[in-house]
Amino acid sequence: MIQIRIGTPSDMPAVLELIQELAIFEREPNAVVVTADDLARDGFGPQPMFGTFVAEVEGKIVGMALYYYRYSTWKGRTIHLEDLIVQDAMRGQGVGEALYAHVLMQAQKDGVRRVEWNVLDWNTPAIAFYQKSGARVLDDWRVAQMDDVAVTKFVNQYFSEK
């Protein structure tokens, strides 16, 4: 039986293990630099930066969803689902759907006007699941990112020229 509950600081080591498993799945095994202490501090301090739901089966955490609030100039308050992760051995057993449903229930409870997330174009099972649930997977938007090295380089260059 799958039990979904709000994550706690003591769950963050297990959440980190899931994040590391996702990084391997997404072919970036060395990309994770966040620690369990970072997650506990950032998710449960005086101004939490994110919320989590964890999925347990027989008392063991087997999945998690991490989300945070954003503001859209067109829609107002929205939720961004950063990651929904299920242990490989537990996929296909309803864990992901249960986590997804809890995030959407949180969005409904909070009255947000949109829930959004990213999905890799090669993750066809996830895309099919999201589309079946009623989500639109947009083809005409691209994700843009800058890591801390690129940010520093740009800022230094920009302000040295001014």
C-alpha atoms as a PDB file:
ATOM      1  CA  MET A   1       0.000   0.000   0.000  1.00  0.00           C
ATOM      2  CA  ILE A   2       1.336   3.411  -0.989  1.00  0.00           C
ATOM      3  CA  GLN A   3       1.237   6.145   1.627  1.00  0.00           C
ATOM      4  CA  ILE A   4       1.846   9.772   0.590  1.00  0.00           C
ATOM      5  CA  ARG A   5       2.777  12.340   3.216  1.00  0.00           C
ATOM      6  CA  ILE A   6       4.456  15.710   3.516  1.00  0.00           C
ATOM      7  CA  GLY A   7       8.228  15.386   3.695  1.00  0.00           C
ATOM      8  CA  THR A   8      10.152  16.228   6.868  1.00  0.00           C
ATOM      9  CA  PRO A   9      13.768  17.278   7.468  1.00  0.00           C
ATOM     10  CA  SER A  10      14.608  13.727   8.559  1.00  0.00           C
ATOM     11  CA  ASP A  11      13.437  12.460   5.135  1.00  0.00           C
ATOM     12  CA  MET A  12      16.049  14.489   3.267  1.00  0.00           C
ATOM     13  CA  PRO A  13      18.780  11.798   3.171  1.00  0.00           C
ATOM     14  CA  ALA A  14      16.290   9.463   1.434  1.00  0.00           C
ATOM     15  CA  VAL A  15      15.162  12.319  -0.828  1.00  0.00           C
ATOM     16  CA  LEU A  16      18.795  12.949  -1.762  1.00  0.00           C
ATOM     17  CA  GLU A  17      19.217   9.267  -2.672  1.00  0.00           C
ATOM     18  CA  LEU A  18      16.230   9.592  -5.000  1.00  0.00           C
ATOM     19  CA  ILE A  19      17.682  12.766  -6.535  1.00  0.00           C
ATOM     20  CA  GLN A  20      20.937  10.913  -7.178  1.00  0.00           C
ATOM     21  CA  GLU A  21      19.007   8.028  -8.755  1.00  0.00           C
ATOM     22  CA  LEU A  22      17.236  10.527 -11.023  1.00  0.00           C
ATOM     23  CA  ALA A  23      20.558  12.061 -12.055  1.00  0.00           C
ATOM     24  CA  ILE A  24      21.745   8.628 -13.150  1.00  0.00           C
ATOM     25  CA  PHE A  25      18.469   8.037 -15.042  1.00  0.00           C
ATOM     26  CA  GLU A  26      18.831  11.423 -16.752  1.00  0.00           C
ATOM     27  CA  ARG A  27      22.405  10.544 -17.764  1.00  0.00           C
ATOM     28  CA  GLU A  28      24.066  13.124 -15.496  1.00  0.00           C
ATOM     29  CA  PRO A  29      25.385  10.988 -12.622  1.00  0.00           C
ATOM     30  CA  ASN A  30      27.876  13.610 -11.401  1.00  0.00           C
ATOM     31  CA  ALA A  31      25.578  16.644 -11.584  1.00  0.00           C
ATOM     32  CA  VAL A  32      24.133  16.518  -8.038  1.00  0.00           C
ATOM     33  CA  VAL A  33      25.952  18.870  -5.664  1.00  0.00           C
ATOM     34  CA  VAL A  34      23.121  19.535  -3.193  1.00  0.00           C
ATOM     35  CA  THR A  35      23.394  17.767   0.165  1.00  0.00           C
ATOM     36  CA  ALA A  36      20.812  16.424   2.583  1.00  0.00           C
ATOM     37  CA  ASP A  37      21.740  19.297   4.902  1.00  0.00           C
ATOM     38  CA  ASP A  38      21.083  21.791   2.080  1.00  0.00           C
ATOM     39  CA  LEU A  39      17.682  20.232   1.484  1.00  0.00           C
ATOM     40  CA  ALA A  40      16.795  20.290   5.192  1.00  0.00           C
ATOM     41  CA  ARG A  41      17.914  23.910   5.574  1.00  0.00           C
ATOM     42  CA  ASP A  42      16.285  25.183   2.376  1.00  0.00           C
ATOM     43  CA  GLY A  43      13.021  23.275   2.644  1.00  0.00           C
ATOM     44  CA  PHE A  44      12.249  23.660   6.324  1.00  0.00           C
ATOM     45  CA  GLY A  45      13.693  26.953   7.536  1.00  0.00           C
ATOM     46  CA  PRO A  46      11.788  30.135   8.389  1.00  0.00           C
ATOM     47  CA  GLN A  47      11.096  30.752   4.682  1.00  0.00           C
ATOM     48  CA  PRO A  48      10.970  27.316   3.008  1.00  0.00           C
ATOM     49  CA  MET A  49      12.057  27.392  -0.622  1.00  0.00           C
ATOM     50  CA  PHE A  50      10.180  24.221  -1.569  1.00  0.00           C
ATOM     51  CA  GLY A  51       7.665  21.654  -0.447  1.00  0.00           C
ATOM     52  CA  THR A  52       7.908  17.895  -0.690  1.00  0.00           C
ATOM     53  CA  PHE A  53       5.680  14.891  -0.693  1.00  0.00           C
ATOM     54  CA  VAL A  54       7.205  11.492  -0.046  1.00  0.00           C
ATOM     55  CA  ALA A  55       5.790   8.106  -0.978  1.00  0.00           C
ATOM     56  CA  GLU A  56       6.268   5.228   1.421  1.00  0.00           C
ATOM     57  CA  VAL A  57       5.712   1.542   0.918  1.00  0.00           C
ATOM     58  CA  GLU A  58       6.081  -0.621   4.022  1.00  0.00           C
ATOM     59  CA  GLY A  59       7.667   2.314   5.863  1.00  0.00           C
ATOM     60  CA  LYS A  60      10.380   2.897   3.238  1.00  0.00           C
ATOM     61  CA  ILE A  61      10.547   6.034   1.091  1.00  0.00           C
ATOM     62  CA  VAL A  62      10.309   4.949  -2.551  1.00  0.00           C
ATOM     63  CA  GLY A  63       9.416   8.222  -4.247  1.00  0.00           C
ATOM     64  CA  MET A  64       9.149  11.954  -3.826  1.00  0.00           C
ATOM     65  CA  ALA A  65       7.831  15.106  -5.444  1.00  0.00           C
ATOM     66  CA  LEU A  66       9.534  18.451  -4.862  1.00  0.00           C
ATOM     67  CA  TYR A  67       7.728  21.651  -5.852  1.00  0.00           C
ATOM     68  CA  TYR A  68       7.904  25.372  -5.272  1.00  0.00           C
ATOM     69  CA  TYR A  69       5.831  28.461  -5.977  1.00  0.00           C
ATOM     70  CA  ARG A  70       6.528  30.809  -8.858  1.00  0.00           C
ATOM     71  CA  TYR A  71       4.860  33.911 -10.164  1.00  0.00           C
ATOM     72  CA  SER A  72       3.711  34.239 -13.759  1.00  0.00           C
ATOM     73  CA  THR A  73       3.173  37.700 -15.200  1.00  0.00           C
ATOM     74  CA  TRP A  74       0.259  36.227 -17.149  1.00  0.00           C
ATOM     75  CA  LYS A  75      -1.275  33.839 -14.611  1.00  0.00           C
ATOM     76  CA  GLY A  76      -0.173  34.984 -11.162  1.00  0.00           C
ATOM     77  CA  ARG A  77       0.805  32.382  -8.597  1.00  0.00           C
ATOM     78  CA  THR A  78       1.839  29.003 -10.034  1.00  0.00           C
ATOM     79  CA  ILE A  79       3.519  25.827  -8.848  1.00  0.00           C
ATOM     80  CA  HIS A  80       6.640  24.460 -10.473  1.00  0.00           C
ATOM     81  CA  LEU A  81       7.055  20.717 -10.026  1.00  0.00           C
ATOM     82  CA  GLU A  82      10.840  20.468  -9.927  1.00  0.00           C
ATOM     83  CA  ASP A  83      11.094  16.694  -9.729  1.00  0.00           C
ATOM     84  CA  LEU A  84       8.878  13.680  -9.350  1.00  0.00           C
ATOM     85  CA  ILE A  85      11.063  10.650  -8.667  1.00  0.00           C
ATOM     86  CA  VAL A  86      10.185   7.009  -8.112  1.00  0.00           C
ATOM     87  CA  GLN A  87      12.744   4.293  -7.394  1.00  0.00           C
ATOM     88  CA  ASP A  88      13.351   2.250 -10.500  1.00  0.00           C
ATOM     89  CA  ALA A  89      12.145  -0.952  -8.836  1.00  0.00           C
ATOM     90  CA  MET A  90       8.836   0.730  -7.887  1.00  0.00           C
ATOM     91  CA  ARG A  91       7.944   2.264 -11.254  1.00  0.00           C
ATOM     92  CA  GLY A  92       4.672   1.183 -12.803  1.00  0.00           C
ATOM     93  CA  GLN A  93       3.015   0.523  -9.443  1.00  0.00           C
ATOM     94  CA  GLY A  94       1.110   3.803  -9.045  1.00  0.00           C
ATOM     95  CA  VAL A  95       3.658   5.611  -6.866  1.00  0.00           C
ATOM     96  CA  GLY A  96       4.332   8.376  -9.403  1.00  0.00           C
ATOM     97  CA  GLU A  97       0.652   8.889 -10.098  1.00  0.00           C
ATOM     98  CA  ALA A  98      -0.087   9.176  -6.361  1.00  0.00           C
ATOM     99  CA  LEU A  99       2.663  11.781  -5.889  1.00  0.00           C
ATOM    100  CA  TYR A 100       1.484  13.665  -8.984  1.00  0.00           C
ATOM    101  CA  ALA A 101      -2.095  13.678  -7.667  1.00  0.00           C
ATOM    102  CA  HIS A 102      -0.943  15.133  -4.337  1.00  0.00           C
ATOM    103  CA  VAL A 103       0.965  17.946  -6.042  1.00  0.00           C
ATOM    104  CA  LEU A 104      -2.094  18.759  -8.153  1.00  0.00           C
ATOM    105  CA  MET A 105      -4.299  18.611  -5.053  1.00  0.00           C
ATOM    106  CA  GLN A 106      -1.918  21.089  -3.366  1.00  0.00           C
ATOM    107  CA  ALA A 107      -2.212  23.355  -6.412  1.00  0.00           C
ATOM    108  CA  GLN A 108      -5.994  23.160  -6.257  1.00  0.00           C
ATOM    109  CA  LYS A 109      -5.991  23.836  -2.513  1.00  0.00           C
ATOM    110  CA  ASP A 110      -3.721  26.870  -3.014  1.00  0.00           C
ATOM    111  CA  GLY A 111      -5.772  28.198  -5.921  1.00  0.00           C
ATOM    112  CA  VAL A 112      -2.825  28.455  -8.291  1.00  0.00           C
ATOM    113  CA  ARG A 113      -3.616  29.030 -11.939  1.00  0.00           C
ATOM    114  CA  ARG A 114      -0.993  26.714 -13.434  1.00  0.00           C
ATOM    115  CA  VAL A 115       1.274  23.820 -12.564  1.00  0.00           C
ATOM    116  CA  GLU A 116       4.316  23.425 -14.763  1.00  0.00           C
ATOM    117  CA  TRP A 117       7.369  21.210 -15.031  1.00  0.00           C
ATOM    118  CA  ASN A 118      10.023  20.059 -17.472  1.00  0.00           C
ATOM    119  CA  VAL A 119      10.302  16.621 -19.022  1.00  0.00           C
ATOM    120  CA  LEU A 120      13.134  15.354 -21.202  1.00  0.00           C
ATOM    121  CA  ASP A 121      12.078  14.772 -24.800  1.00  0.00           C
ATOM    122  CA  TRP A 122      13.364  11.176 -24.709  1.00  0.00           C
ATOM    123  CA  ASN A 123      11.367  10.261 -21.579  1.00  0.00           C
ATOM    124  CA  THR A 124       8.429   9.000 -23.601  1.00  0.00           C
ATOM    125  CA  PRO A 125       6.736   7.056 -20.769  1.00  0.00           C
ATOM    126  CA  ALA A 126       6.575  10.240 -18.670  1.00  0.00           C
ATOM    127  CA  ILE A 127       5.348  12.304 -21.627  1.00  0.00           C
ATOM    128  CA  ALA A 128       2.608   9.767 -22.345  1.00  0.00           C
ATOM    129  CA  PHE A 129       1.575   9.740 -18.675  1.00  0.00           C
ATOM    130  CA  TYR A 130       1.397  13.533 -18.491  1.00  0.00           C
ATOM    131  CA  GLN A 131      -0.579  13.805 -21.713  1.00  0.00           C
ATOM    132  CA  LYS A 132      -2.994  11.103 -20.580  1.00  0.00           C
ATOM    133  CA  SER A 133      -3.557  13.078 -17.358  1.00  0.00           C
ATOM    134  CA  GLY A 134      -4.615  16.151 -19.356  1.00  0.00           C
ATOM    135  CA  ALA A 135      -1.333  18.058 -19.364  1.00  0.00           C
ATOM    136  CA  ARG A 136      -0.104  19.788 -22.511  1.00  0.00           C
ATOM    137  CA  VAL A 137       3.530  19.045 -23.305  1.00  0.00           C
ATOM    138  CA  LEU A 138       4.755  22.108 -25.164  1.00  0.00           C
ATOM    139  CA  ASP A 139       7.022  21.661 -28.182  1.00  0.00           C
ATOM    140  CA  ASP A 140       7.634  25.323 -28.924  1.00  0.00           C
ATOM    141  CA  TRP A 141       9.405  26.376 -25.703  1.00  0.00           C
ATOM    142  CA  ARG A 142      13.040  25.714 -24.862  1.00  0.00           C
ATOM    143  CA  VAL A 143      14.539  25.631 -21.376  1.00  0.00           C
ATOM    144  CA  ALA A 144      17.394  28.091 -20.876  1.00  0.00           C
ATOM    145  CA  GLN A 145      19.840  27.737 -17.983  1.00  0.00           C
ATOM    146  CA  MET A 146      23.057  29.279 -16.717  1.00  0.00           C
ATOM    147  CA  ASP A 147      25.145  27.578 -14.071  1.00  0.00           C
ATOM    148  CA  ASP A 148      27.058  29.577 -11.456  1.00  0.00           C
ATOM    149  CA  VAL A 149      30.220  29.632 -13.595  1.00  0.00           C
ATOM    150  CA  ALA A 150      28.353  31.094 -16.579  1.00  0.00           C
ATOM    151  CA  VAL A 151      26.580  33.642 -14.357  1.00  0.00           C
ATOM    152  CA  THR A 152      29.893  34.822 -12.899  1.00  0.00           C
ATOM    153  CA  LYS A 153      31.493  35.041 -16.330  1.00  0.00           C
ATOM    154  CA  PHE A 154      28.610  37.081 -17.766  1.00  0.00           C
ATOM    155  CA  VAL A 155      28.366  39.440 -14.766  1.00  0.00           C
ATOM    156  CA  ASN A 156      32.110  40.030 -14.681  1.00  0.00           C
ATOM    157  CA  GLN A 157      32.235  40.685 -18.401  1.00  0.00           C
ATOM    158  CA  TYR A 158      29.160  42.910 -18.466  1.00  0.00           C
ATOM    159  CA  PHE A 159      30.176  45.101 -15.555  1.00  0.00           C
ATOM    160  CA  SER A 160      33.827  45.339 -16.552  1.00  0.00           C
ATOM    161  CA  GLU A 161      32.687  46.910 -19.834  1.00  0.00           C
ATOM    162  CA  LYS A 162      30.414  49.510 -18.176  1.00  0.00           C
END
